[in-house]
């Protein structure tokens, strides 16, 4: 073989090899080796979302010592209150979910000890100026605050999750204002304005009259119930009076928590402006809507002595009571 033929053979081999590398499948690895082409790989860290603000009915909840947002409960009922939370996720994964743990001041801040929680899985994605959608989102839920839950400082723990399951929590405070609400006479779930005492007889004690229920419809214990009343006056002329006067060491008109006037009844003063406390234990706070506590809802009776020489007819008086609530804190 001549030198010229040898070089031609080498040139042909080189052409075949390069053709295989660049044009035939399966030789990409050799191509990369020759071109020195590599793959760069990295992993973007998943950062848990941040709950940056919590609102109660559009007002920010604060930390202890701050200006706590407060609400007023509804007597003997629920009070719907709305919570909002703004969440920021630097990964743009703000489309996960959030849980609002509502904690009364009888419980710890940890969600483990909160009796009520609200799960929200449909956030509103917010697009901030010059920011990618998904960085910010709002979660909203409504809590029905029962009237009987103890007043004072409450907590809301908002735990937000991103799409990958990473989470973060923020705790903020709010206040349930004191609700002083006593229902009397409480009849079949409604508050009345007349204590019906039925028909009375002359010249004797008329006991066990005007039975009605008294209920604590507020959110704290009542330390004292104080009562007074005016004389009974005939509603049609002549306007005769059944007086409240001293009698048998007491007076002629008494309130009682049982049917026996000699078993610790509360005798109304003959001076209308003077109030007498009864019963001695006041009213406890209800623990639920059934309010089965014997000292949170109970019946009261009236005893009245009607003297002789009183004309027949309808007689009315004014019964007043004042309640003194215990502090929330």
Protein backbone atom coordinates (compact mmCIF):
# COMPACT_ATOMS: atom_id res chain seq x y z
CA UNK A 1 0.00 0.00 0.00
CA UNK A 2 1.29 3.35 -0.93
CA UNK A 3 1.50 6.24 1.50
CA UNK A 4 -1.20 8.06 -0.43
CA UNK A 5 -3.53 5.07 -0.18
CA UNK A 6 -2.88 4.80 3.57
CA UNK A 7 -3.83 8.42 4.22
CA UNK A 8 -6.98 8.02 2.15
CA UNK A 9 -7.94 5.00 4.25
CA UNK A 10 -7.37 6.90 7.50
CA UNK A 11 -9.44 9.84 6.23
CA UNK A 12 -12.31 7.54 5.34
CA UNK A 13 -12.25 5.97 8.81
CA UNK A 14 -12.35 9.41 10.44
CA UNK A 15 -15.34 10.41 8.29
CA UNK A 16 -17.20 7.20 9.22
CA UNK A 17 -16.54 7.66 12.97
CA UNK A 18 -17.77 11.27 13.00
CA UNK A 19 -20.82 10.31 10.97
CA UNK A 20 -21.68 7.65 13.54
CA UNK A 21 -21.22 10.10 16.43
CA UNK A 22 -23.26 12.98 15.05
CA UNK A 23 -25.87 11.30 12.91
CA UNK A 24 -26.51 7.77 14.22
CA UNK A 25 -28.65 7.27 17.40
CA UNK A 26 -26.96 5.63 20.34
CA UNK A 27 -23.68 7.54 20.19
CA UNK A 28 -24.83 10.60 22.21
CA UNK A 29 -22.57 9.71 25.14
CA UNK A 30 -19.50 9.77 22.91
CA UNK A 31 -20.68 13.05 21.42
CA UNK A 32 -21.04 14.61 24.88
CA UNK A 33 -17.62 13.30 25.84
CA UNK A 34 -16.06 14.81 22.82
CA UNK A 35 -17.98 18.12 23.18
CA UNK A 36 -17.46 18.17 27.00
CA UNK A 37 -21.25 18.79 27.57
CA UNK A 38 -22.51 18.11 31.18
CA UNK A 39 -25.88 18.35 33.05
CA UNK A 40 -26.11 20.79 35.96
CA UNK A 41 -28.64 19.80 38.64
CA UNK A 42 -29.87 21.53 41.83
CA UNK A 43 -32.86 21.34 44.18
CA UNK A 44 -34.87 24.40 45.24
CA UNK A 45 -35.49 24.29 48.94
CA UNK A 46 -39.11 24.01 50.01
CA UNK A 47 -39.78 26.75 52.55
CA UNK A 48 -42.78 26.43 54.92
CA UNK A 49 -45.45 29.11 54.42
CA UNK A 50 -45.61 32.03 56.84
CA UNK A 51 -48.86 33.25 58.43
CA UNK A 52 -48.10 36.96 58.34
CA UNK A 53 -51.42 38.37 59.60
CA UNK A 54 -54.59 37.19 61.34
CA UNK A 55 -57.78 39.24 61.33
CA UNK A 56 -60.99 39.06 63.31
CA UNK A 57 -63.79 40.67 61.31
CA UNK A 58 -61.27 42.74 59.33
CA UNK A 59 -59.40 44.00 62.40
CA UNK A 60 -55.95 42.57 63.18
CA UNK A 61 -55.58 40.22 66.12
CA UNK A 62 -52.70 41.15 68.39
CA UNK A 63 -50.33 39.63 70.90
CA UNK A 64 -50.83 39.88 74.69
CA UNK A 65 -50.41 43.40 75.95
CA UNK A 66 -51.52 44.86 72.64
CA UNK A 67 -54.83 46.33 71.59
CA UNK A 68 -56.82 43.09 71.42
CA UNK A 69 -59.71 42.93 68.98
CA UNK A 70 -62.88 42.26 70.97
CA UNK A 71 -66.34 40.89 70.20
CA UNK A 72 -69.66 40.90 72.06
CA UNK A 73 -71.43 37.58 72.48
CA UNK A 74 -75.18 37.24 71.91
CA UNK A 75 -77.23 36.35 74.99
CA UNK A 76 -78.56 32.78 74.95
CA UNK A 77 -77.40 32.32 71.35
CA UNK A 78 -74.45 31.99 68.97
CA UNK A 79 -72.43 34.92 67.67
CA UNK A 80 -70.91 34.22 64.22
CA UNK A 81 -67.44 35.76 63.98
CA UNK A 82 -65.20 35.69 60.91
CA UNK A 83 -61.45 35.03 60.92
CA UNK A 84 -59.07 35.79 58.04
CA UNK A 85 -55.42 34.82 57.69
CA UNK A 86 -52.90 36.09 55.14
CA UNK A 87 -50.23 33.55 54.23
CA UNK A 88 -46.96 34.17 52.35
CA UNK A 89 -45.09 31.36 50.60
CA UNK A 90 -41.78 32.31 49.00
CA UNK A 91 -41.96 29.19 46.79
CA UNK A 92 -45.21 30.32 45.28
CA UNK A 93 -46.93 27.21 46.68
CA UNK A 94 -49.64 29.15 48.49
CA UNK A 95 -52.40 26.84 47.37
CA UNK A 96 -52.37 24.32 50.20
CA UNK A 97 -54.70 24.55 53.20
CA UNK A 98 -54.99 26.05 56.68
CA UNK A 99 -56.54 25.09 59.99
CA UNK A 100 -57.89 27.64 62.47
CA UNK A 101 -57.76 26.38 66.07
CA UNK A 102 -60.13 28.41 68.28
CA UNK A 103 -58.97 28.26 71.91
CA UNK A 104 -60.89 29.60 74.89
CA UNK A 105 -58.96 30.95 77.82
CA UNK A 106 -59.60 27.74 79.77
CA UNK A 107 -57.25 25.92 77.38
CA UNK A 108 -53.60 26.05 76.42
CA UNK A 109 -52.37 27.74 73.27
CA UNK A 110 -51.34 24.44 71.71
CA UNK A 111 -53.88 23.12 69.20
CA UNK A 112 -53.80 19.81 71.06
CA UNK A 113 -55.86 21.41 73.83
CA UNK A 114 -58.29 23.35 71.66
CA UNK A 115 -61.76 21.87 71.48
CA UNK A 116 -62.72 23.47 68.19
CA UNK A 117 -60.94 23.77 64.87
CA UNK A 118 -61.87 24.77 61.33
CA UNK A 119 -60.18 23.37 58.24
CA UNK A 120 -59.99 25.51 55.09
CA UNK A 121 -58.76 24.01 51.81
CA UNK A 122 -59.86 26.64 49.30
CA UNK A 123 -57.64 29.70 49.70
CA UNK A 124 -58.04 32.89 47.71
CA UNK A 125 -54.78 33.43 45.82
CA UNK A 126 -53.67 37.06 45.91
CA UNK A 127 -51.39 38.55 43.26
CA UNK A 128 -49.31 41.33 44.76
CA UNK A 129 -47.78 44.04 42.52
CA UNK A 130 -44.73 42.75 40.62
CA UNK A 131 -45.06 39.37 42.32
CA UNK A 132 -45.82 35.95 40.95
CA UNK A 133 -49.29 34.59 41.69
CA UNK A 134 -49.21 32.10 44.54
CA UNK A 135 -46.90 33.99 46.87
CA UNK A 136 -49.80 35.36 48.93
CA UNK A 137 -53.19 33.87 49.76
CA UNK A 138 -56.06 34.50 52.15
CA UNK A 139 -57.95 31.93 54.19
CA UNK A 140 -61.33 32.68 55.75
CA UNK A 141 -63.49 30.79 58.24
CA UNK A 142 -66.46 31.55 60.52
CA UNK A 143 -66.67 30.50 64.17
CA UNK A 144 -70.02 30.40 65.98
CA UNK A 145 -69.18 31.70 69.45
CA UNK A 146 -71.62 30.22 72.04
CA UNK A 147 -72.89 32.64 74.68
CA UNK A 148 -71.79 30.40 77.57
CA UNK A 149 -68.07 30.23 76.73
CA UNK A 150 -66.14 32.09 79.42
CA UNK A 151 -65.36 35.70 78.65
CA UNK A 152 -61.80 36.99 78.55
CA UNK A 153 -58.78 36.59 76.29
CA UNK A 154 -59.01 33.89 73.60
CA UNK A 155 -56.48 32.51 71.13
CA UNK A 156 -56.56 31.58 67.49
CA UNK A 157 -53.81 29.31 66.21
CA UNK A 158 -53.56 29.38 62.40
CA UNK A 159 -51.54 26.51 60.94
CA UNK A 160 -50.91 26.83 57.19
CA UNK A 161 -49.70 24.04 54.85
CA UNK A 162 -48.23 24.41 51.39
CA UNK A 163 -48.86 22.01 48.52
CA UNK A 164 -45.96 19.77 49.61
CA UNK A 165 -47.20 19.51 53.20
CA UNK A 166 -44.73 21.88 54.85
CA UNK A 167 -46.40 23.90 57.59
CA UNK A 168 -46.02 26.81 59.96
CA UNK A 169 -48.18 28.25 62.74
CA UNK A 170 -48.96 31.66 64.16
CA UNK A 171 -50.87 32.37 67.38
CA UNK A 172 -52.80 35.58 67.91
CA UNK A 173 -55.10 36.82 70.67
CA UNK A 174 -58.59 38.33 70.78
CA UNK A 175 -61.11 39.10 73.50
CA UNK A 176 -64.63 37.93 74.26
CA UNK A 177 -66.20 40.82 76.17
CA UNK A 178 -68.19 40.29 79.35
CA UNK A 179 -71.87 39.57 78.75
CA UNK A 180 -74.10 40.12 81.78
CA UNK A 181 -77.43 38.56 80.81
CA UNK A 182 -80.01 37.10 83.21
CA UNK A 183 -83.32 35.86 81.81
CA UNK A 184 -86.32 36.05 84.12
CA UNK A 185 -89.04 34.99 83.72
CA UNK A 186 -87.68 32.46 81.23
CA UNK A 187 -90.58 30.47 79.81
CA UNK A 188 -90.25 27.81 77.09
CA UNK A 189 -87.11 29.36 75.69
CA UNK A 190 -88.39 32.95 75.73
CA UNK A 191 -88.03 35.88 78.09
CA UNK A 192 -91.33 37.15 79.45
CA UNK A 193 -92.38 40.42 81.04
CA UNK A 194 -95.16 39.27 83.38
CA UNK A 195 -94.92 37.00 86.43
CA UNK A 196 -98.35 35.38 86.64
CA UNK A 197 -99.20 34.59 90.26
CA UNK A 198 -102.69 33.28 89.74
CA UNK A 199 -105.61 33.79 92.10
CA UNK A 200 -104.91 34.55 95.77
CA UNK A 201 -107.03 34.21 98.91
CA UNK A 202 -107.62 36.83 101.58
CA UNK A 203 -106.39 36.72 105.15
CA UNK A 204 -103.71 34.07 104.61
CA UNK A 205 -100.38 33.24 103.02
CA UNK A 206 -100.53 32.31 99.36
CA UNK A 207 -97.40 30.21 98.72
CA UNK A 208 -95.84 28.63 95.64
CA UNK A 209 -97.10 31.40 93.35
CA UNK A 210 -95.61 32.66 90.07
CA UNK A 211 -93.25 29.78 89.41
CA UNK A 212 -90.79 30.79 86.66
CA UNK A 213 -87.29 29.89 85.52
CA UNK A 214 -84.21 32.07 85.97
CA UNK A 215 -81.31 31.47 83.57
CA UNK A 216 -77.80 32.82 83.20
CA UNK A 217 -77.60 33.65 79.49
CA UNK A 218 -74.22 35.36 79.76
CA UNK A 219 -70.57 34.29 79.77
CA UNK A 220 -69.55 34.66 83.39
CA UNK A 221 -70.85 33.71 86.83
CA UNK A 222 -73.31 36.04 88.53
CA UNK A 223 -72.12 36.64 92.06
CA UNK A 224 -75.35 38.25 93.24
CA UNK A 225 -78.99 38.67 92.24
CA UNK A 226 -80.71 41.51 94.10
CA UNK A 227 -84.51 41.99 94.18
CA UNK A 228 -87.05 44.61 95.16
CA UNK A 229 -90.72 45.21 94.41
CA UNK A 230 -93.49 47.74 94.80
CA UNK A 231 -96.92 47.28 96.39
CA UNK A 232 -99.61 45.55 94.33
CA UNK A 233 -102.14 48.07 93.03
CA UNK A 234 -105.60 47.35 91.59
CA UNK A 235 -105.60 48.06 87.85
CA UNK A 236 -109.18 49.45 87.88
CA UNK A 237 -110.67 52.10 90.20
CA UNK A 238 -110.84 52.13 93.09
CA UNK A 239 -107.09 51.56 93.11
CA UNK A 240 -106.80 49.49 96.27
CA UNK A 241 -103.33 48.38 97.37
CA UNK A 242 -101.95 45.09 98.68
CA UNK A 243 -99.09 46.47 100.73
CA UNK A 244 -95.68 44.96 101.40
CA UNK A 245 -95.36 45.49 105.14
CA UNK A 246 -93.55 43.95 108.11
CA UNK A 247 -95.30 40.75 109.18
CA UNK A 248 -94.42 37.79 111.41
CA UNK A 249 -90.83 38.95 111.74
CA UNK A 250 -90.44 39.37 108.00
CA UNK A 251 -92.62 41.03 105.37
CA UNK A 252 -95.68 40.00 103.40
CA UNK A 253 -93.91 39.28 100.09
CA UNK A 254 -91.05 36.82 99.50
CA UNK A 255 -89.07 35.19 96.70
CA UNK A 256 -87.96 31.59 97.08
CA UNK A 257 -86.08 28.80 95.33
CA UNK A 258 -88.44 26.18 96.74
CA UNK A 259 -92.08 25.97 97.82
CA UNK A 260 -91.53 26.38 101.58
CA UNK A 261 -91.54 30.01 102.74
CA UNK A 262 -89.99 28.96 106.05
CA UNK A 263 -87.00 27.36 104.39
CA UNK A 264 -84.80 30.38 103.78
CA UNK A 265 -87.00 32.54 101.55
CA UNK A 266 -85.91 36.04 100.57
CA UNK A 267 -88.37 38.53 102.03
CA UNK A 268 -88.74 41.70 99.98
CA UNK A 269 -88.15 44.94 101.88
CA UNK A 270 -91.10 47.23 102.57
CA UNK A 271 -88.88 50.01 101.23
CA UNK A 272 -89.06 49.70 97.40
CA UNK A 273 -85.60 51.19 96.88
CA UNK A 274 -83.96 48.59 99.14
CA UNK A 275 -82.86 45.40 97.38
CA UNK A 276 -82.36 41.98 98.98
CA UNK A 277 -79.90 39.40 97.57
CA UNK A 278 -81.38 36.03 96.66
CA UNK A 279 -80.38 33.26 96.38
CA UNK A 280 -77.06 33.43 98.18
CA UNK A 281 -75.16 31.65 95.38
CA UNK A 282 -76.25 33.91 92.54
CA UNK A 283 -76.11 32.21 89.12
CA UNK A 284 -73.39 30.00 87.68
CA UNK A 285 -72.38 30.14 84.04
CA UNK A 286 -74.00 27.55 81.78
CA UNK A 287 -71.70 24.92 80.34
CA UNK A 288 -73.72 24.23 77.18
CA UNK A 289 -77.03 25.11 75.56
CA UNK A 290 -78.90 22.56 77.67
CA UNK A 291 -77.67 24.38 80.79
CA UNK A 292 -78.31 21.49 83.15
CA UNK A 293 -76.37 22.98 86.05
CA UNK A 294 -78.67 23.40 89.04
CA UNK A 295 -77.11 26.76 89.87
CA UNK A 296 -77.08 28.15 86.33
CA UNK A 297 -80.80 27.73 85.62
CA UNK A 298 -83.39 27.19 88.31
CA UNK A 299 -87.00 27.93 89.25
CA UNK A 300 -88.16 30.66 91.59
CA UNK A 301 -91.47 30.99 93.45
CA UNK A 302 -93.23 33.83 95.26
CA UNK A 303 -95.12 33.87 98.57
CA UNK A 304 -97.57 36.66 99.40
CA UNK A 305 -99.77 37.37 102.38
CA UNK A 306 -102.99 39.14 101.35
CA UNK A 307 -104.90 40.83 104.21
CA UNK A 308 -108.66 40.99 104.53
CA UNK A 309 -110.83 43.81 103.16
CA UNK A 310 -109.12 43.82 99.74
CA UNK A 311 -111.46 44.33 96.79
CA UNK A 312 -111.51 41.68 94.09
CA UNK A 313 -109.85 42.42 90.75
CA UNK A 314 -106.53 42.37 88.97
CA UNK A 315 -103.54 43.75 90.89
CA UNK A 316 -100.09 44.49 89.50
CA UNK A 317 -96.75 45.61 90.88
CA UNK A 318 -93.21 46.21 89.60
CA UNK A 319 -90.59 43.55 90.29
CA UNK A 320 -86.99 44.58 89.73
CA UNK A 321 -83.75 42.64 89.86
CA UNK A 322 -80.10 43.50 89.35
CA UNK A 323 -77.29 41.07 88.56
CA UNK A 324 -73.65 41.51 89.53
CA UNK A 325 -71.27 39.62 87.21
CA UNK A 326 -67.91 38.23 88.17
CA UNK A 327 -64.81 39.50 86.38
CA UNK A 328 -63.62 37.74 83.24
CA UNK A 329 -59.96 37.73 84.30
